Each structure stands twice: as C-alpha cells, then as structure tokens.
Amino acid sequence: MSSSDARAQRGRPTVLDRGAIATATFRLWSEHGYQAVGWRDIAEATGVSVRTLVRHFARKSDIAWVGVPGATRRLRAALAETPADVPVDVAARRAIVESISDDPMTPAGTDWIRVVASEPELAGSAPGAYRPWIDELARFLRQRAPELSPAEAEAIASGYQATAFAALVSWGEGRTGGDAAASADRALRRLSIATG
C-alpha cells in the first residue's frame, strides 16, 4: 500500500451515512436486544469506528432518532403549505400524517417501532428526541390560534406527538390495519382544538 493510499484511509469519513448506521443498529437490536449491543458491535456491523460513532452519537439511544430531523422537515413543509381556511386541528392532523415517511428508520418502520416501544430507555427518550418536532407544531398552533398561550400550544403539540407515537406503536405491534400513516390518521382524528 502506498503512503497516499494509507493517508486516504485514515481519518473520519467525510460523510457519515446515519441512515445506514441506524439500519444496521436496529437489525442488531432486533436480533440481540438493545442492552446486549454495545458500541463495538455497532462498529463491526457498520464498518465505522467506535470513536467516529461516539463523535456523531453522544448516546447509543441517539441512533434511534435519526429519522426525527426528516420528519420535522416534512411536518414544517406540510404546515407551511396548509391553506389559512383549514381548521387548525385538521391542519395539524394532515401535516402530522404527511410527516410520517415510508423510510424504515422512521416511525413507519415496524422494526424501529417495536424496538423503541419495547426498550424503556428509548421509549422514555421519545419526547426529548421529538422536541424539535413538538416545537414546530406548537409554533404553528400559536400562529393559527393566537389565543393559545405558549404553554398551551406546547401541551397540545406534545399531546399530538404522544397520540401519533401511541398509534404507531399499535400499528407496529400489528394491532391496527393499514399503513403507519393511516393508523396515525385514525387516532389523530379523535383530537380537536377548541379555538376562539
């Protein structure tokens, strides 16, 4: 191996494929259990060094939430495209359903949701991981229903997140039919926001 080849192989990768790391990690978690899988196991499965993994994921549980930024972007875009005459609760529901993707590392993935729902550390970290998503929805609620206080808008947005998450868990466990988005849509239709 030439010295230029050795230099090209050293150092951290210029782009880390977070989705590929999550896919491999969830496969390990599904097969062996969350607690049994350590950083070295993830490094072996992904071909990414432990040092690089830890630099990009402060905690092992952070890998579970790589789909949240994409879901937040989809939510933001759907909310921005909502006509002003659509009732706020209908707008929120539709945007949340739009934010659910078919990507297997997002809440539409049955492996993802089964692991997250069955591991207390992951399930307990969901509200914190979804904070940007909740903030985005709360901001929209305040714009569309200015009579809501910031605390009320945050509480409602958190309720929407909890409802969607519970619906996805039920779907992932096979207790509801259809796809993930349809399951969330059915549950979210039960919520309403009184405005005025």
N, C-alpha and C. Protein backbone atom coordinates (compact mmCIF):
# COMPACT_ATOMS: atom_id res chain seq x y z
N MET A 1 0.85 -1.18 0.00
CA MET A 1 0.00 0.00 0.00
C MET A 1 0.90 1.23 0.00
N SER A 2 0.61 2.16 -0.89
CA SER A 2 1.41 3.38 -0.97
C SER A 2 1.04 4.30 0.18
N SER A 3 1.90 5.28 0.44
CA SER A 3 1.62 6.22 1.54
C SER A 3 0.39 7.06 1.23
N SER A 4 0.13 7.34 -0.06
CA SER A 4 -1.08 8.12 -0.39
C SER A 4 -2.34 7.29 -0.13
N ASP A 5 -2.27 5.94 -0.39
CA ASP A 5 -3.41 5.08 -0.07
C ASP A 5 -3.67 5.05 1.42
N ALA A 6 -2.61 4.97 2.21
CA ALA A 6 -2.74 4.94 3.67
C ALA A 6 -3.37 6.24 4.17
N ARG A 7 -2.92 7.38 3.58
CA ARG A 7 -3.48 8.67 4.01
C ARG A 7 -4.97 8.75 3.65
N ALA A 8 -5.36 8.21 2.51
CA ALA A 8 -6.75 8.27 2.08
C ALA A 8 -7.65 7.46 3.00
N GLN A 9 -7.10 6.41 3.65
CA GLN A 9 -7.92 5.56 4.51
C GLN A 9 -7.98 6.06 5.94
N ARG A 10 -7.08 6.96 6.32
CA ARG A 10 -7.07 7.47 7.69
C ARG A 10 -8.11 8.56 7.88
N GLY A 11 -8.43 8.80 9.14
CA GLY A 11 -9.33 9.90 9.47
C GLY A 11 -10.78 9.49 9.39
N ARG A 12 -11.62 10.43 9.78
CA ARG A 12 -13.05 10.15 9.78
C ARG A 12 -13.62 10.29 8.38
N PRO A 13 -14.72 9.60 8.11
CA PRO A 13 -15.34 9.74 6.79
C PRO A 13 -15.86 11.16 6.60
N THR A 14 -15.84 11.63 5.36
CA THR A 14 -16.32 12.98 5.11
C THR A 14 -17.83 13.06 5.31
N VAL A 15 -18.54 12.00 4.97
CA VAL A 15 -19.99 11.97 5.15
C VAL A 15 -20.34 10.68 5.87
N LEU A 16 -21.06 10.81 6.95
CA LEU A 16 -21.48 9.63 7.71
C LEU A 16 -22.91 9.31 7.31
N ASP A 17 -23.15 8.09 6.87
CA ASP A 17 -24.49 7.68 6.47
C ASP A 17 -25.26 7.25 7.71
N ARG A 18 -25.94 8.22 8.32
CA ARG A 18 -26.66 7.96 9.57
C ARG A 18 -27.77 6.94 9.39
N GLY A 19 -28.41 6.97 8.22
CA GLY A 19 -29.47 6.01 7.94
C GLY A 19 -28.95 4.58 7.88
N ALA A 20 -27.79 4.40 7.25
CA ALA A 20 -27.19 3.06 7.16
C ALA A 20 -26.77 2.57 8.54
N ILE A 21 -26.25 3.47 9.35
CA ILE A 21 -25.86 3.10 10.72
C ILE A 21 -27.10 2.70 11.52
N ALA A 22 -28.16 3.47 11.38
CA ALA A 22 -29.40 3.14 12.09
C ALA A 22 -29.96 1.80 11.63
N THR A 23 -29.94 1.56 10.32
CA THR A 23 -30.46 0.30 9.79
C THR A 23 -29.71 -0.89 10.38
N ALA A 24 -28.38 -0.83 10.36
CA ALA A 24 -27.56 -1.92 10.90
C ALA A 24 -27.76 -2.06 12.40
N THR A 25 -27.86 -0.94 13.09
CA THR A 25 -28.02 -0.97 14.54
C THR A 25 -29.37 -1.55 14.93
N PHE A 26 -30.43 -1.17 14.23
CA PHE A 26 -31.74 -1.73 14.55
C PHE A 26 -31.81 -3.21 14.26
N ARG A 27 -31.08 -3.66 13.25
CA ARG A 27 -31.03 -5.09 13.00
C ARG A 27 -30.39 -5.80 14.20
N LEU A 28 -29.30 -5.23 14.71
CA LEU A 28 -28.64 -5.81 15.90
C LEU A 28 -29.57 -5.78 17.10
N TRP A 29 -30.22 -4.65 17.32
CA TRP A 29 -31.11 -4.52 18.47
C TRP A 29 -32.28 -5.50 18.36
N SER A 30 -32.80 -5.69 17.15
CA SER A 30 -33.92 -6.62 16.95
C SER A 30 -33.49 -8.06 17.24
N GLU A 31 -32.27 -8.42 16.83
CA GLU A 31 -31.79 -9.79 16.97
C GLU A 31 -31.27 -10.10 18.37
N HIS A 32 -30.60 -9.13 19.00
CA HIS A 32 -29.89 -9.41 20.26
C HIS A 32 -30.43 -8.64 21.47
N GLY A 33 -31.26 -7.65 21.23
CA GLY A 33 -31.75 -6.82 22.33
C GLY A 33 -30.91 -5.56 22.47
N TYR A 34 -31.56 -4.50 22.85
CA TYR A 34 -30.90 -3.19 22.97
C TYR A 34 -29.73 -3.23 23.95
N GLN A 35 -29.97 -3.78 25.13
CA GLN A 35 -28.94 -3.75 26.18
C GLN A 35 -27.73 -4.61 25.82
N ALA A 36 -27.92 -5.64 25.02
CA ALA A 36 -26.82 -6.56 24.70
C ALA A 36 -25.88 -6.03 23.62
N VAL A 37 -26.28 -4.98 22.93
CA VAL A 37 -25.49 -4.45 21.81
C VAL A 37 -24.69 -3.24 22.28
N GLY A 38 -23.38 -3.32 22.15
CA GLY A 38 -22.50 -2.22 22.54
C GLY A 38 -21.93 -1.49 21.34
N TRP A 39 -21.14 -0.47 21.61
CA TRP A 39 -20.53 0.33 20.54
C TRP A 39 -19.66 -0.53 19.62
N ARG A 40 -18.92 -1.48 20.18
CA ARG A 40 -18.06 -2.33 19.34
C ARG A 40 -18.89 -3.17 18.37
N ASP A 41 -20.03 -3.67 18.83
CA ASP A 41 -20.91 -4.44 17.96
C ASP A 41 -21.41 -3.57 16.80
N ILE A 42 -21.78 -2.35 17.13
CA ILE A 42 -22.27 -1.43 16.10
C ILE A 42 -21.16 -1.09 15.13
N ALA A 43 -19.95 -0.88 15.66
CA ALA A 43 -18.80 -0.58 14.79
C ALA A 43 -18.53 -1.73 13.83
N GLU A 44 -18.56 -2.95 14.34
CA GLU A 44 -18.33 -4.12 13.48
C GLU A 44 -19.40 -4.23 12.40
N ALA A 45 -20.65 -3.99 12.75
CA ALA A 45 -21.74 -4.13 11.80
C ALA A 45 -21.75 -3.03 10.74
N THR A 46 -21.24 -1.86 11.10
CA THR A 46 -21.31 -0.72 10.19
C THR A 46 -20.01 -0.41 9.48
N GLY A 47 -18.89 -0.91 10.01
CA GLY A 47 -17.60 -0.57 9.43
C GLY A 47 -17.14 0.84 9.81
N VAL A 48 -17.80 1.42 10.80
CA VAL A 48 -17.44 2.76 11.29
C VAL A 48 -16.82 2.59 12.66
N SER A 49 -15.71 3.28 12.91
CA SER A 49 -15.01 3.09 14.19
C SER A 49 -15.86 3.55 15.37
N VAL A 50 -15.57 2.96 16.52
CA VAL A 50 -16.26 3.36 17.75
C VAL A 50 -16.06 4.86 17.98
N ARG A 51 -14.85 5.33 17.78
CA ARG A 51 -14.54 6.73 18.01
C ARG A 51 -15.43 7.64 17.14
N THR A 52 -15.59 7.28 15.87
CA THR A 52 -16.43 8.08 14.98
C THR A 52 -17.89 8.00 15.39
N LEU A 53 -18.33 6.80 15.74
CA LEU A 53 -19.72 6.65 16.18
C LEU A 53 -20.02 7.53 17.38
N VAL A 54 -19.13 7.50 18.36
CA VAL A 54 -19.34 8.28 19.58
C VAL A 54 -19.26 9.78 19.31
N ARG A 55 -18.47 10.16 18.31
CA ARG A 55 -18.39 11.57 17.95
C ARG A 55 -19.73 12.05 17.36
N HIS A 56 -20.42 11.19 16.63
CA HIS A 56 -21.66 11.57 15.97
C HIS A 56 -22.91 11.27 16.80
N PHE A 57 -22.81 10.32 17.72
CA PHE A 57 -23.95 9.95 18.57
C PHE A 57 -23.47 9.98 20.01
N ALA A 58 -23.89 10.99 20.77
CA ALA A 58 -23.43 11.13 22.15
C ALA A 58 -23.83 9.93 23.01
N ARG A 59 -25.01 9.39 22.73
CA ARG A 59 -25.51 8.22 23.45
C ARG A 59 -25.97 7.19 22.43
N LYS A 60 -25.91 5.94 22.81
CA LYS A 60 -26.38 4.87 21.92
C LYS A 60 -27.84 5.10 21.54
N SER A 61 -28.62 5.59 22.47
CA SER A 61 -30.05 5.81 22.20
C SER A 61 -30.28 6.86 21.12
N ASP A 62 -29.32 7.75 20.88
CA ASP A 62 -29.49 8.77 19.84
C ASP A 62 -29.66 8.15 18.46
N ILE A 63 -29.13 6.96 18.25
CA ILE A 63 -29.25 6.30 16.95
C ILE A 63 -30.72 6.03 16.62
N ALA A 64 -31.53 5.83 17.65
CA ALA A 64 -32.94 5.52 17.44
C ALA A 64 -33.70 6.67 16.80
N TRP A 65 -33.17 7.87 16.88
CA TRP A 65 -33.94 9.05 16.49
C TRP A 65 -33.39 9.73 15.24
N VAL A 66 -32.63 9.02 14.41
CA VAL A 66 -32.06 9.65 13.21
C VAL A 66 -33.14 10.09 12.23
N GLY A 67 -34.33 9.54 12.32
CA GLY A 67 -35.41 9.94 11.40
C GLY A 67 -36.15 11.19 11.82
N VAL A 68 -35.94 11.67 13.04
CA VAL A 68 -36.71 12.82 13.53
C VAL A 68 -36.43 14.10 12.74
N PRO A 69 -35.19 14.44 12.40
CA PRO A 69 -35.00 15.67 11.61
C PRO A 69 -35.76 15.64 10.28
N GLY A 70 -35.78 14.50 9.60
CA GLY A 70 -36.54 14.41 8.36
C GLY A 70 -38.02 14.56 8.60
N ALA A 71 -38.53 13.93 9.66
CA ALA A 71 -39.95 14.05 9.99
C ALA A 71 -40.30 15.50 10.33
N THR A 72 -39.39 16.19 11.00
CA THR A 72 -39.62 17.59 11.36
C THR A 72 -39.65 18.46 10.11
N ARG A 73 -38.75 18.20 9.17
CA ARG A 73 -38.76 18.96 7.91
C ARG A 73 -40.05 18.71 7.14
N ARG A 74 -40.50 17.46 7.09
CA ARG A 74 -41.75 17.16 6.39
C ARG A 74 -42.94 17.83 7.08
N LEU A 75 -42.94 17.83 8.41
CA LEU A 75 -44.01 18.50 9.16
C LEU A 75 -44.01 19.99 8.85
N ARG A 76 -42.85 20.62 8.91
CA ARG A 76 -42.73 22.06 8.66
C ARG A 76 -43.24 22.40 7.25
N ALA A 77 -42.85 21.61 6.27
CA ALA A 77 -43.27 21.87 4.89
C ALA A 77 -44.78 21.71 4.74
N ALA A 78 -45.34 20.67 5.34
CA ALA A 78 -46.78 20.44 5.25
C ALA A 78 -47.56 21.55 5.93
N LEU A 79 -47.08 22.01 7.08
CA LEU A 79 -47.76 23.10 7.79
C LEU A 79 -47.69 24.39 6.97
N ALA A 80 -46.55 24.66 6.36
CA ALA A 80 -46.38 25.87 5.57
C ALA A 80 -47.30 25.90 4.35
N GLU A 81 -47.62 24.73 3.82
CA GLU A 81 -48.46 24.64 2.62
C GLU A 81 -49.96 24.60 2.94
N THR A 82 -50.31 24.61 4.23
CA THR A 82 -51.71 24.50 4.63
C THR A 82 -52.45 25.81 4.37
N PRO A 83 -53.55 25.76 3.60
CA PRO A 83 -54.34 26.98 3.39
C PRO A 83 -54.88 27.53 4.71
N ALA A 84 -55.03 28.84 4.77
CA ALA A 84 -55.45 29.51 6.00
C ALA A 84 -56.87 29.13 6.41
N ASP A 85 -57.71 28.68 5.48
CA ASP A 85 -59.10 28.38 5.82
C ASP A 85 -59.30 26.96 6.38
N VAL A 86 -58.22 26.16 6.46
CA VAL A 86 -58.34 24.81 7.01
C VAL A 86 -58.34 24.92 8.53
N PRO A 87 -59.31 24.32 9.22
CA PRO A 87 -59.34 24.38 10.69
C PRO A 87 -58.01 23.89 11.28
N VAL A 88 -57.62 24.48 12.39
CA VAL A 88 -56.29 24.23 12.94
C VAL A 88 -56.08 22.76 13.31
N ASP A 89 -57.10 22.09 13.86
CA ASP A 89 -56.91 20.70 14.22
C ASP A 89 -56.81 19.80 12.98
N VAL A 90 -57.54 20.14 11.93
CA VAL A 90 -57.45 19.39 10.67
C VAL A 90 -56.07 19.62 10.05
N ALA A 91 -55.61 20.86 10.09
CA ALA A 91 -54.29 21.18 9.54
C ALA A 91 -53.19 20.43 10.28
N ALA A 92 -53.29 20.40 11.60
CA ALA A 92 -52.28 19.69 12.40
C ALA A 92 -52.28 18.21 12.07
N ARG A 93 -53.45 17.60 12.03
CA ARG A 93 -53.55 16.17 11.72
C ARG A 93 -52.98 15.85 10.35
N ARG A 94 -53.39 16.61 9.35
CA ARG A 94 -52.90 16.34 8.00
C ARG A 94 -51.38 16.48 7.90
N ALA A 95 -50.84 17.51 8.54
CA ALA A 95 -49.39 17.73 8.49
C ALA A 95 -48.64 16.61 9.21
N ILE A 96 -49.17 16.16 10.33
CA ILE A 96 -48.52 15.06 11.06
C ILE A 96 -48.52 13.80 10.22
N VAL A 97 -49.65 13.51 9.58
CA VAL A 97 -49.73 12.33 8.72
C VAL A 97 -48.72 12.47 7.58
N GLU A 98 -48.59 13.67 7.02
CA GLU A 98 -47.60 13.91 5.96
C GLU A 98 -46.17 13.71 6.46
N SER A 99 -45.95 13.96 7.74
CA SER A 99 -44.58 13.86 8.27
C SER A 99 -44.14 12.41 8.47
N ILE A 100 -45.08 11.49 8.40
CA ILE A 100 -44.76 10.07 8.57
C ILE A 100 -44.30 9.52 7.23
N SER A 101 -43.10 8.98 7.22
CA SER A 101 -42.48 8.52 5.99
C SER A 101 -42.51 7.01 5.89
N ASP A 102 -42.23 6.50 4.69
CA ASP A 102 -42.11 5.06 4.49
C ASP A 102 -40.69 4.57 4.75
N ASP A 103 -39.78 5.47 5.10
CA ASP A 103 -38.41 5.09 5.42
C ASP A 103 -38.42 4.15 6.63
N PRO A 104 -37.73 3.00 6.55
CA PRO A 104 -37.81 2.03 7.66
C PRO A 104 -37.18 2.51 8.96
N MET A 105 -36.43 3.60 8.95
CA MET A 105 -35.84 4.10 10.18
C MET A 105 -36.65 5.23 10.78
N THR A 106 -37.84 5.43 10.27
CA THR A 106 -38.75 6.41 10.85
C THR A 106 -39.91 5.65 11.46
N PRO A 107 -40.84 6.35 12.09
CA PRO A 107 -41.94 5.63 12.72
C PRO A 107 -42.75 4.73 11.80
N ALA A 108 -42.53 4.77 10.50
CA ALA A 108 -43.25 3.85 9.63
C ALA A 108 -42.60 2.48 9.59
N GLY A 109 -41.44 2.32 10.17
CA GLY A 109 -40.74 1.04 10.14
C GLY A 109 -41.11 0.17 11.32
N THR A 110 -41.61 -1.05 11.05
CA THR A 110 -42.07 -1.90 12.15
C THR A 110 -40.92 -2.32 13.06
N ASP A 111 -39.73 -2.59 12.51
CA ASP A 111 -38.60 -2.94 13.39
C ASP A 111 -38.28 -1.77 14.31
N TRP A 112 -38.25 -0.59 13.74
CA TRP A 112 -37.95 0.61 14.52
C TRP A 112 -38.93 0.76 15.68
N ILE A 113 -40.21 0.72 15.38
CA ILE A 113 -41.20 0.98 16.41
C ILE A 113 -41.24 -0.13 17.45
N ARG A 114 -41.02 -1.38 17.04
CA ARG A 114 -41.02 -2.48 18.02
C ARG A 114 -39.87 -2.33 19.01
N VAL A 115 -38.69 -2.00 18.50
CA VAL A 115 -37.54 -1.84 19.39
C VAL A 115 -37.75 -0.64 20.30
N VAL A 116 -38.17 0.47 19.75
CA VAL A 116 -38.36 1.68 20.55
C VAL A 116 -39.42 1.45 21.62
N ALA A 117 -40.52 0.81 21.24
CA ALA A 117 -41.61 0.61 22.19
C ALA A 117 -41.26 -0.39 23.29
N SER A 118 -40.39 -1.35 22.99
CA SER A 118 -40.09 -2.40 23.98
C SER A 118 -38.91 -2.05 24.88
N GLU A 119 -38.15 -1.04 24.55
CA GLU A 119 -36.98 -0.66 25.34
C GLU A 119 -37.29 0.60 26.13
N PRO A 120 -37.40 0.50 27.46
CA PRO A 120 -37.79 1.66 28.26
C PRO A 120 -36.90 2.88 28.07
N GLU A 121 -35.60 2.68 27.92
CA GLU A 121 -34.70 3.83 27.73
C GLU A 121 -35.06 4.59 26.45
N LEU A 122 -35.39 3.86 25.39
CA LEU A 122 -35.74 4.51 24.13
C LEU A 122 -37.12 5.13 24.20
N ALA A 123 -38.09 4.40 24.71
CA ALA A 123 -39.45 4.93 24.81
C ALA A 123 -39.46 6.19 25.68
N GLY A 124 -38.69 6.17 26.75
CA GLY A 124 -38.62 7.32 27.64
C GLY A 124 -37.93 8.53 27.03
N SER A 125 -37.10 8.30 26.03
CA SER A 125 -36.38 9.41 25.41
C SER A 125 -37.15 10.02 24.23
N ALA A 126 -38.29 9.44 23.87
CA ALA A 126 -39.06 9.92 22.71
C ALA A 126 -39.46 11.39 22.83
N PRO A 127 -40.05 11.84 23.95
CA PRO A 127 -40.45 13.25 24.00
C PRO A 127 -39.27 14.22 23.82
N GLY A 128 -38.13 13.90 24.39
CA GLY A 128 -36.95 14.76 24.21
C GLY A 128 -36.44 14.72 22.79
N ALA A 129 -36.43 13.53 22.21
CA ALA A 129 -35.96 13.40 20.83
C ALA A 129 -36.88 14.13 19.87
N TYR A 130 -38.16 14.15 20.17
CA TYR A 130 -39.14 14.81 19.31
C TYR A 130 -39.33 16.29 19.64
N ARG A 131 -38.51 16.83 20.52
CA ARG A 131 -38.65 18.24 20.91
C ARG A 131 -38.69 19.18 19.71
N PRO A 132 -37.79 19.06 18.71
CA PRO A 132 -37.88 19.99 17.56
C PRO A 132 -39.21 19.85 16.80
N TRP A 133 -39.71 18.63 16.69
CA TRP A 133 -40.99 18.36 16.02
C TRP A 133 -42.13 19.01 16.81
N ILE A 134 -42.11 18.82 18.13
CA ILE A 134 -43.13 19.41 19.00
C ILE A 134 -43.07 20.93 18.92
N ASP A 135 -41.87 21.50 18.95
CA ASP A 135 -41.72 22.96 18.87
C ASP A 135 -42.28 23.49 17.55
N GLU A 136 -42.02 22.77 16.47
CA GLU A 136 -42.52 23.19 15.15
C GLU A 136 -44.05 23.23 15.14
N LEU A 137 -44.67 22.18 15.68
CA LEU A 137 -46.13 22.13 15.71
C LEU A 137 -46.69 23.19 16.66
N ALA A 138 -46.06 23.39 17.81
CA ALA A 138 -46.51 24.40 18.77
C ALA A 138 -46.45 25.80 18.16
N ARG A 139 -45.40 26.08 17.41
CA ARG A 139 -45.27 27.38 16.74
C ARG A 139 -46.43 27.60 15.76
N PHE A 140 -46.76 26.56 15.00
CA PHE A 140 -47.88 26.66 14.06
C PHE A 140 -49.19 26.89 14.81
N LEU A 141 -49.41 26.16 15.89
CA LEU A 141 -50.64 26.31 16.66
C LEU A 141 -50.78 27.74 17.18
N ARG A 142 -49.69 28.31 17.64
CA ARG A 142 -49.73 29.69 18.15
C ARG A 142 -50.03 30.68 17.03
N GLN A 143 -49.50 30.41 15.83
CA GLN A 143 -49.78 31.31 14.70
C GLN A 143 -51.24 31.24 14.29
N ARG A 144 -51.79 30.02 14.27
CA ARG A 144 -53.16 29.83 13.80
C ARG A 144 -54.20 30.07 14.90
N ALA A 145 -53.80 29.94 16.15
CA ALA A 145 -54.72 30.16 17.28
C ALA A 145 -54.00 31.02 18.32
N PRO A 146 -53.86 32.32 18.04
CA PRO A 146 -53.07 33.19 18.92
C PRO A 146 -53.60 33.30 20.34
N GLU A 147 -54.85 32.87 20.57
CA GLU A 147 -55.35 32.89 21.94
C GLU A 147 -54.71 31.83 22.82
N LEU A 148 -54.03 30.87 22.21
CA LEU A 148 -53.31 29.86 22.98
C LEU A 148 -52.05 30.46 23.58
N SER A 149 -51.81 30.18 24.85
CA SER A 149 -50.55 30.61 25.46
C SER A 149 -49.44 29.69 24.94
N PRO A 150 -48.18 30.10 25.06
CA PRO A 150 -47.09 29.20 24.65
C PRO A 150 -47.15 27.85 25.36
N ALA A 151 -47.50 27.86 26.64
CA ALA A 151 -47.58 26.60 27.40
C ALA A 151 -48.71 25.73 26.87
N GLU A 152 -49.85 26.34 26.53
CA GLU A 152 -50.97 25.57 25.99
C GLU A 152 -50.62 24.97 24.63
N ALA A 153 -50.00 25.77 23.78
CA ALA A 153 -49.61 25.27 22.45
C ALA A 153 -48.62 24.13 22.58
N GLU A 154 -47.67 24.24 23.49
CA GLU A 154 -46.70 23.16 23.70
C GLU A 154 -47.38 21.91 24.24
N ALA A 155 -48.31 22.09 25.16
CA ALA A 155 -49.02 20.93 25.72
C ALA A 155 -49.84 20.23 24.64
N ILE A 156 -50.51 21.00 23.80
CA ILE A 156 -51.32 20.40 22.72
C ILE A 156 -50.42 19.69 21.72
N ALA A 157 -49.31 20.34 21.34
CA ALA A 157 -48.38 19.71 20.39
C ALA A 157 -47.80 18.43 20.98
N SER A 158 -47.50 18.44 22.27
CA SER A 158 -47.00 17.23 22.94
C SER A 158 -48.05 16.13 22.94
N GLY A 159 -49.32 16.52 23.11
CA GLY A 159 -50.41 15.55 23.05
C GLY A 159 -50.55 14.93 21.67
N TYR A 160 -50.38 15.75 20.65
CA TYR A 160 -50.42 15.23 19.29
C TYR A 160 -49.26 14.25 19.06
N GLN A 161 -48.09 14.60 19.55
CA GLN A 161 -46.93 13.71 19.38
C GLN A 161 -47.17 12.40 20.11
N ALA A 162 -47.66 12.46 21.33
CA ALA A 162 -47.91 11.24 22.11
C ALA A 162 -48.98 10.38 21.44
N THR A 163 -50.01 11.00 20.90
CA THR A 163 -51.08 10.25 20.22
C THR A 163 -50.54 9.57 18.97
N ALA A 164 -49.80 10.30 18.16
CA ALA A 164 -49.23 9.72 16.94
C ALA A 164 -48.28 8.58 17.29
N PHE A 165 -47.45 8.78 18.31
CA PHE A 165 -46.50 7.75 18.71
C PHE A 165 -47.22 6.50 19.20
N ALA A 166 -48.26 6.68 20.02
CA ALA A 166 -49.03 5.52 20.51
C ALA A 166 -49.69 4.79 19.35
N ALA A 167 -50.20 5.52 18.38
CA ALA A 167 -50.82 4.89 17.21
C ALA A 167 -49.79 4.10 16.43
N LEU A 168 -48.58 4.63 16.31
CA LEU A 168 -47.53 3.92 15.59
C LEU A 168 -47.08 2.66 16.33
N VAL A 169 -47.06 2.73 17.65
CA VAL A 169 -46.73 1.53 18.44
C VAL A 169 -47.80 0.46 18.20
N SER A 170 -49.07 0.83 18.25
CA SER A 170 -50.14 -0.12 18.00
C SER A 170 -50.02 -0.72 16.61
N TRP A 171 -49.72 0.13 15.63
CA TRP A 171 -49.54 -0.34 14.26
C TRP A 171 -48.35 -1.30 14.17
N GLY A 172 -47.22 -0.93 14.78
CA GLY A 172 -46.03 -1.76 14.74
C GLY A 172 -46.23 -3.11 15.39
N GLU A 173 -47.11 -3.16 16.37
CA GLU A 173 -47.41 -4.42 17.05
C GLU A 173 -48.52 -5.20 16.35
N GLY A 174 -48.99 -4.70 15.22
CA GLY A 174 -50.00 -5.40 14.44
C GLY A 174 -51.41 -5.28 14.97
N ARG A 175 -51.65 -4.30 15.83
CA ARG A 175 -52.99 -4.16 16.41
C ARG A 175 -53.91 -3.28 15.59
N THR A 176 -53.39 -2.64 14.55
CA THR A 176 -54.22 -1.84 13.65
C THR A 176 -53.87 -2.22 12.22
N GLY A 177 -54.80 -2.04 11.33
CA GLY A 177 -54.57 -2.38 9.94
C GLY A 177 -54.03 -1.20 9.16
N GLY A 178 -53.77 -1.43 7.88
CA GLY A 178 -53.30 -0.36 7.02
C GLY A 178 -51.84 -0.03 7.24
N ASP A 179 -51.44 1.14 6.78
CA ASP A 179 -50.05 1.53 6.96
C ASP A 179 -49.92 2.45 8.17
N ALA A 180 -48.69 2.85 8.45
CA ALA A 180 -48.40 3.65 9.64
C ALA A 180 -49.13 4.99 9.60
N ALA A 181 -49.11 5.64 8.45
CA ALA A 181 -49.76 6.95 8.34
C ALA A 181 -51.27 6.84 8.57
N ALA A 182 -51.88 5.80 8.02
CA ALA A 182 -53.33 5.62 8.20
C ALA A 182 -53.66 5.36 9.67
N SER A 183 -52.82 4.61 10.34
CA SER A 183 -53.03 4.34 11.77
C SER A 183 -52.97 5.63 12.57
N ALA A 184 -51.96 6.45 12.29
CA ALA A 184 -51.84 7.73 12.99
C ALA A 184 -53.02 8.63 12.67
N ASP A 185 -53.44 8.65 11.40
CA ASP A 185 -54.56 9.49 10.99
C ASP A 185 -55.82 9.13 11.77
N ARG A 186 -56.10 7.84 11.91
CA ARG A 186 -57.30 7.41 12.65
C ARG A 186 -57.26 7.90 14.09
N ALA A 187 -56.12 7.76 14.73
CA ALA A 187 -56.02 8.18 16.13
C ALA A 187 -56.11 9.70 16.26
N LEU A 188 -55.45 10.41 15.36
CA LEU A 188 -55.43 11.87 15.45
C LEU A 188 -56.79 12.50 15.16
N ARG A 189 -57.65 11.80 14.43
CA ARG A 189 -59.00 12.31 14.16
C ARG A 189 -59.82 12.44 15.44
N ARG A 190 -59.39 11.76 16.50
CA ARG A 190 -60.11 11.83 17.78
C ARG A 190 -59.78 13.11 18.56
N LEU A 191 -58.75 13.83 18.12
CA LEU A 191 -58.34 15.05 18.82
C LEU A 191 -58.95 16.27 18.16
N SER A 192 -59.25 17.26 18.95
CA SER A 192 -59.72 18.54 18.39
C SER A 192 -59.20 19.67 19.26
N ILE A 193 -59.12 20.83 18.65
CA ILE A 193 -58.64 22.02 19.36
C ILE A 193 -59.76 23.05 19.32
N ALA A 194 -60.22 23.43 20.48
CA ALA A 194 -61.24 24.48 20.57
C ALA A 194 -60.55 25.83 20.45
N THR A 195 -60.93 26.61 19.48
CA THR A 195 -60.33 27.94 19.30
C THR A 195 -61.41 28.99 19.34
N GLY A 196 -60.98 30.23 19.56
CA GLY A 196 -61.93 31.34 19.54
C GLY A 196 -62.11 31.97 20.87
